[in-house]
Amino acid sequence: MYRLIYLIALFATLGVAAQQMPERSLVRKGNRNYNKGRYNEAVEHYNEALKVAPAQFEATYNLGNALYKAEMFDRAEQTMTKAAADSLRTDEERAEAYYNLGNAQFKQQKYKEALESYKQSLRLNPSDMEAKYNYAYTKRLLEENQNQQNQNQQNQDQNQQQNQDQQGGGQNQQGNDQQDKKDQNSNQNPPDQQQGQGKQDPANPEQNKDDKGNKQQGEAQAVPAKISEQEQQQMLDAIQAQEDRTQEKLKEKQGVIVRSKKNW
């Protein structure tokens, strides 16, 4: 008899607590949907819980996870930022929030931001091996991207220099052509034929020799080498092929480790 009364009193107490903290019931509903893979429904329940209790850490953290699973990475980043900033939580809880924040940023290719989030997670939980892996992987990815950008810039500078050399060579060639025309006109219309500088007679080979009897030859003009449009295109294709190979190597790698091991 007393046992039954005690149970009735206990259920009544739990009912009063549920009415006083309805956000906990909403979080549990969200968790059930999350575990079944119904992430959009989970998002709705977590949002309802946060309307009742905006500072509820569990609802905020789990909402960030559900948004990530639903591939709404920008909203997941915003939500996890709030969870990670809750100074009232334990270091382990905040480390988890920073870890998942880094994953959301990584999915948006915000590699610098993701690297900083993984670093913050390790500061709070230095023994987290998965956070160490994600930090090292993201750092290497940033370095490879920077090296690729430097290579592309170097190739661009080389192409620009070659174009400038080509334009300068064209101007020199134009000046040489003009000088050749001037010399040709001078040969056709000598300014002073009374000085013995008459037209050369092909029938008289002796006239085409200098004072020492050597055959006169025209001075060769130096023409700078030009790069054809086909060669330029080949250079650009080579640069693009190198970039494609780099991207393929990145795709072959495992990528960051994603987890959400806590779901209160």
Protein backbone atom coordinates (compact mmCIF):
# COMPACT_ATOMS: atom_id res chain seq x y z
CA MET A 1 0.00 0.00 0.00
CA TYR A 2 2.70 2.47 0.92
CA ARG A 3 4.69 1.35 -2.09
CA LEU A 4 1.82 2.20 -4.43
CA ILE A 5 1.40 5.60 -2.84
CA TYR A 6 5.11 6.23 -3.26
CA LEU A 7 4.96 5.36 -6.94
CA ILE A 8 1.99 7.60 -7.48
CA ALA A 9 3.79 10.42 -5.72
CA LEU A 10 6.91 9.78 -7.84
CA PHE A 11 4.99 9.92 -11.12
CA ALA A 12 3.29 13.09 -9.97
CA THR A 13 6.70 14.62 -9.22
CA LEU A 14 8.03 13.66 -12.64
CA GLY A 15 4.96 15.11 -14.30
CA VAL A 16 5.44 18.41 -12.52
CA ALA A 17 9.15 18.44 -13.56
CA ALA A 18 8.24 17.74 -17.18
CA GLN A 19 5.83 20.64 -17.13
CA GLN A 20 8.44 22.90 -15.59
CA MET A 21 11.15 21.87 -18.11
CA PRO A 22 9.36 21.08 -21.40
CA GLU A 23 12.60 21.67 -23.34
CA ARG A 24 13.99 18.37 -22.05
CA SER A 25 11.05 16.48 -23.50
CA LEU A 26 11.55 18.26 -26.82
CA VAL A 27 15.27 17.41 -26.81
CA ARG A 28 14.44 13.73 -26.24
CA LYS A 29 12.01 13.79 -29.15
CA GLY A 30 14.71 15.38 -31.29
CA ASN A 31 17.17 12.68 -30.23
CA ARG A 32 14.78 9.91 -31.22
CA ASN A 33 14.34 11.41 -34.67
CA TYR A 34 18.09 11.99 -34.98
CA ASN A 35 18.88 8.36 -34.17
CA LYS A 36 16.39 7.25 -36.83
CA GLY A 37 18.03 9.47 -39.44
CA ARG A 38 15.12 11.92 -39.59
CA TYR A 39 17.33 14.96 -39.26
CA ASN A 40 14.87 17.60 -40.44
CA GLU A 41 12.33 16.47 -37.83
CA ALA A 42 15.08 16.51 -35.22
CA VAL A 43 15.94 20.08 -36.20
CA GLU A 44 12.33 21.12 -35.61
CA HIS A 45 12.24 19.62 -32.10
CA TYR A 46 15.57 21.15 -31.11
CA ASN A 47 14.44 24.55 -32.36
CA GLU A 48 11.24 24.21 -30.33
CA ALA A 49 13.31 23.40 -27.25
CA LEU A 50 15.45 26.48 -27.81
CA LYS A 51 12.36 28.66 -28.05
CA VAL A 52 11.48 27.56 -24.55
CA ALA A 53 15.05 27.69 -23.21
CA PRO A 54 17.37 29.65 -25.57
CA ALA A 55 20.49 28.92 -23.47
CA GLN A 56 19.96 25.14 -23.28
CA PHE A 57 23.32 23.63 -24.26
CA GLU A 58 22.08 20.16 -25.16
CA ALA A 59 19.49 21.53 -27.56
CA THR A 60 22.06 23.85 -29.14
CA TYR A 61 24.72 21.18 -29.52
CA ASN A 62 22.33 18.55 -30.87
CA LEU A 63 20.78 21.09 -33.25
CA GLY A 64 24.22 21.73 -34.69
CA ASN A 65 24.73 18.01 -35.22
CA ALA A 66 21.33 17.59 -36.89
CA LEU A 67 21.97 20.57 -39.19
CA TYR A 68 25.31 19.06 -40.15
CA LYS A 69 23.70 15.71 -40.95
CA ALA A 70 21.09 17.54 -43.02
CA GLU A 71 24.00 19.16 -44.92
CA MET A 72 23.05 22.66 -43.82
CA PHE A 73 26.66 23.41 -43.00
CA ASP A 74 26.40 27.20 -42.72
CA ARG A 75 23.64 26.96 -40.10
CA ALA A 76 25.50 24.14 -38.36
CA GLU A 77 28.54 26.42 -38.10
CA GLN A 78 26.50 29.22 -36.54
CA THR A 79 24.88 26.86 -34.04
CA MET A 80 28.09 25.11 -33.04
CA THR A 81 29.76 28.48 -32.55
CA LYS A 82 27.17 29.25 -29.87
CA ALA A 83 27.65 25.86 -28.22
CA ALA A 84 31.44 26.20 -28.17
CA ALA A 85 31.17 29.67 -26.60
CA ASP A 86 29.19 28.40 -23.56
CA SER A 87 31.72 28.94 -20.80
CA LEU A 88 29.50 27.18 -18.25
CA ARG A 89 30.10 23.78 -19.85
CA THR A 90 32.99 21.41 -19.16
CA ASP A 91 36.16 21.48 -21.24
CA GLU A 92 35.26 18.12 -22.78
CA GLU A 93 31.85 19.35 -23.89
CA ARG A 94 33.25 22.51 -25.40
CA ALA A 95 36.02 20.51 -27.07
CA GLU A 96 33.34 18.39 -28.78
CA ALA A 97 31.56 21.55 -29.90
CA TYR A 98 34.76 23.02 -31.35
CA TYR A 99 35.52 19.70 -33.07
CA ASN A 100 32.14 19.61 -34.83
CA LEU A 101 32.42 23.32 -35.57
CA GLY A 102 35.65 22.58 -37.42
CA ASN A 103 33.93 19.86 -39.44
CA ALA A 104 31.13 22.23 -40.48
CA GLN A 105 33.70 24.83 -41.54
CA PHE A 106 35.76 22.24 -43.42
CA LYS A 107 32.69 21.21 -45.43
CA GLN A 108 32.39 24.83 -46.57
CA GLN A 109 36.10 24.86 -47.54
CA LYS A 110 36.81 27.37 -44.78
CA TYR A 111 40.08 25.61 -44.08
CA LYS A 112 41.74 28.37 -42.05
CA GLU A 113 38.70 28.66 -39.78
CA ALA A 114 38.48 24.87 -39.45
CA LEU A 115 42.15 24.67 -38.51
CA GLU A 116 41.59 27.20 -35.72
CA SER A 117 38.53 25.30 -34.43
CA TYR A 118 40.47 22.02 -34.28
CA LYS A 119 43.23 23.85 -32.43
CA GLN A 120 40.73 25.17 -29.87
CA SER A 121 39.35 21.66 -29.44
CA LEU A 122 42.85 20.31 -28.74
CA ARG A 123 43.54 23.06 -26.22
CA LEU A 124 40.53 21.88 -24.24
CA ASN A 125 41.17 18.16 -24.81
CA PRO A 126 44.80 17.53 -25.85
CA SER A 127 44.38 13.72 -25.87
CA ASP A 128 41.78 13.69 -28.66
CA MET A 129 43.52 11.73 -31.43
CA GLU A 130 40.80 12.38 -34.01
CA ALA A 131 41.08 16.12 -33.44
CA LYS A 132 44.85 15.80 -33.89
CA TYR A 133 44.34 13.99 -37.18
CA ASN A 134 41.85 16.56 -38.49
CA TYR A 135 44.18 19.38 -37.47
CA ALA A 136 47.16 17.80 -39.25
CA TYR A 137 45.13 16.96 -42.35
CA THR A 138 43.68 20.45 -42.65
CA LYS A 139 47.09 22.04 -42.13
CA ARG A 140 48.61 19.92 -44.90
CA LEU A 141 45.73 20.77 -47.20
CA LEU A 142 46.28 24.48 -46.60
CA GLU A 143 50.00 24.12 -47.35
CA GLU A 144 49.30 22.26 -50.60
CA ASN A 145 46.79 24.89 -51.68
CA GLN A 146 49.30 27.64 -50.90
CA ASN A 147 52.01 25.87 -52.91
CA GLN A 148 49.61 25.47 -55.81
CA GLN A 149 48.72 29.16 -55.70
CA ASN A 150 52.40 30.08 -55.67
CA GLN A 151 53.03 27.84 -58.68
CA ASN A 152 50.10 29.32 -60.58
CA GLN A 153 51.31 32.84 -59.79
CA GLN A 154 54.81 31.96 -60.97
CA ASN A 155 53.47 30.53 -64.23
CA GLN A 156 51.30 33.61 -64.70
CA ASP A 157 54.29 35.90 -64.18
CA GLN A 158 56.30 33.89 -66.70
CA ASN A 159 53.54 34.08 -69.28
CA GLN A 160 53.22 37.82 -68.71
CA GLN A 161 56.96 38.30 -69.16
CA GLN A 162 56.93 36.24 -72.35
CA ASN A 163 54.06 38.30 -73.72
CA GLN A 164 55.97 41.49 -72.95
CA ASP A 165 59.08 40.11 -74.65
CA GLN A 166 57.00 39.11 -77.63
CA GLN A 167 55.47 42.58 -77.93
CA GLY A 168 58.91 44.18 -77.61
CA GLY A 169 60.26 41.85 -80.28
CA GLY A 170 57.45 42.81 -82.61
CA GLN A 171 58.27 46.48 -82.20
CA ASN A 172 61.95 45.82 -82.90
CA GLN A 173 61.04 43.82 -85.99
CA GLN A 174 58.81 46.65 -87.21
CA GLY A 175 61.69 49.09 -86.81
CA ASN A 176 64.00 46.72 -88.66
CA ASP A 177 61.49 46.38 -91.49
CA GLN A 178 61.23 50.14 -91.78
CA GLN A 179 65.01 50.42 -91.88
CA ASP A 180 65.20 47.72 -94.58
CA LYS A 181 62.67 49.62 -96.69
CA LYS A 182 64.69 52.81 -96.23
CA ASP A 183 67.89 51.04 -97.27
CA GLN A 184 66.12 49.46 -100.23
CA ASN A 185 64.83 52.85 -101.37
CA SER A 186 68.31 54.26 -100.99
CA ASN A 187 69.67 51.52 -103.24
CA GLN A 188 66.97 52.09 -105.83
CA ASN A 189 67.28 55.90 -105.75
CA PRO A 190 70.85 56.76 -104.71
CA PRO A 191 71.08 60.35 -103.50
CA ASP A 192 74.32 61.08 -105.38
CA GLN A 193 75.18 59.06 -108.46
CA GLN A 194 78.06 61.46 -109.39
CA GLN A 195 80.17 59.82 -106.61
CA GLY A 196 80.25 56.53 -108.50
CA GLN A 197 77.53 54.85 -106.39
CA GLY A 198 75.39 53.81 -109.33
CA LYS A 199 73.06 50.82 -109.56
CA GLN A 200 74.68 47.43 -109.39
CA ASP A 201 74.69 45.55 -112.68
CA PRO A 202 73.87 41.84 -112.29
CA ALA A 203 75.65 41.22 -115.57
CA ASN A 204 78.85 42.69 -114.15
CA PRO A 205 79.85 40.61 -111.11
CA GLU A 206 82.97 42.68 -110.56
CA GLN A 207 80.74 45.59 -109.64
CA ASN A 208 79.31 43.60 -106.72
CA LYS A 209 82.71 43.14 -105.07
CA ASP A 210 84.42 45.39 -102.55
CA ASP A 211 87.88 46.88 -102.90
CA LYS A 212 89.50 43.60 -101.81
CA GLY A 213 87.52 41.54 -104.32
CA ASN A 214 85.25 39.97 -101.66
CA LYS A 215 81.61 39.47 -102.50
CA GLN A 216 79.41 41.88 -100.55
CA GLN A 217 76.70 40.38 -98.35
CA GLY A 218 73.84 42.12 -96.58
CA GLU A 219 74.04 42.28 -92.79
CA ALA A 220 71.68 39.78 -91.18
CA GLN A 221 69.04 41.29 -88.89
CA ALA A 222 68.52 39.63 -85.47
CA VAL A 223 64.87 38.60 -85.16
CA PRO A 224 63.73 37.58 -81.64
CA ALA A 225 62.02 34.22 -81.36
CA LYS A 226 58.24 34.39 -81.16
CA ILE A 227 55.81 32.07 -79.30
CA SER A 228 52.95 30.94 -81.44
CA GLU A 229 49.38 30.86 -80.18
CA GLN A 230 49.52 27.07 -80.28
CA GLU A 231 52.58 27.03 -77.99
CA GLN A 232 50.90 29.46 -75.60
CA GLN A 233 47.83 27.22 -75.45
CA GLN A 234 50.02 24.20 -74.77
CA MET A 235 51.59 26.02 -71.82
CA LEU A 236 48.16 26.90 -70.41
CA ASP A 237 47.00 23.30 -70.88
CA ALA A 238 50.04 22.05 -68.98
CA ILE A 239 49.27 24.41 -66.07
CA GLN A 240 45.65 23.24 -65.96
CA ALA A 241 46.71 19.58 -66.08
CA GLN A 242 48.99 20.11 -63.07
CA GLU A 243 46.14 21.69 -61.11
CA ASP A 244 43.79 18.81 -62.03
CA ARG A 245 46.35 16.27 -60.81
CA THR A 246 46.61 18.11 -57.50
CA GLN A 247 42.83 18.05 -57.05
CA GLU A 248 42.70 14.33 -57.85
CA LYS A 249 45.32 13.63 -55.18
CA LEU A 250 43.21 15.48 -52.62
CA LYS A 251 40.13 13.47 -53.59
CA GLU A 252 42.01 10.23 -53.04
CA LYS A 253 42.77 11.17 -49.43
CA GLN A 254 40.49 10.12 -46.59
CA GLY A 255 39.53 13.60 -45.48
CA VAL A 256 38.57 14.72 -41.99
CA ILE A 257 37.01 12.35 -39.45
CA VAL A 258 33.40 13.24 -38.68
CA ARG A 259 31.80 12.26 -35.41
CA SER A 260 29.03 13.32 -33.09
CA LYS A 261 29.50 10.84 -30.27
CA LYS A 262 27.42 12.76 -27.74
CA ASN A 263 23.71 13.33 -28.19
CA TRP A 264 22.22 14.24 -24.84
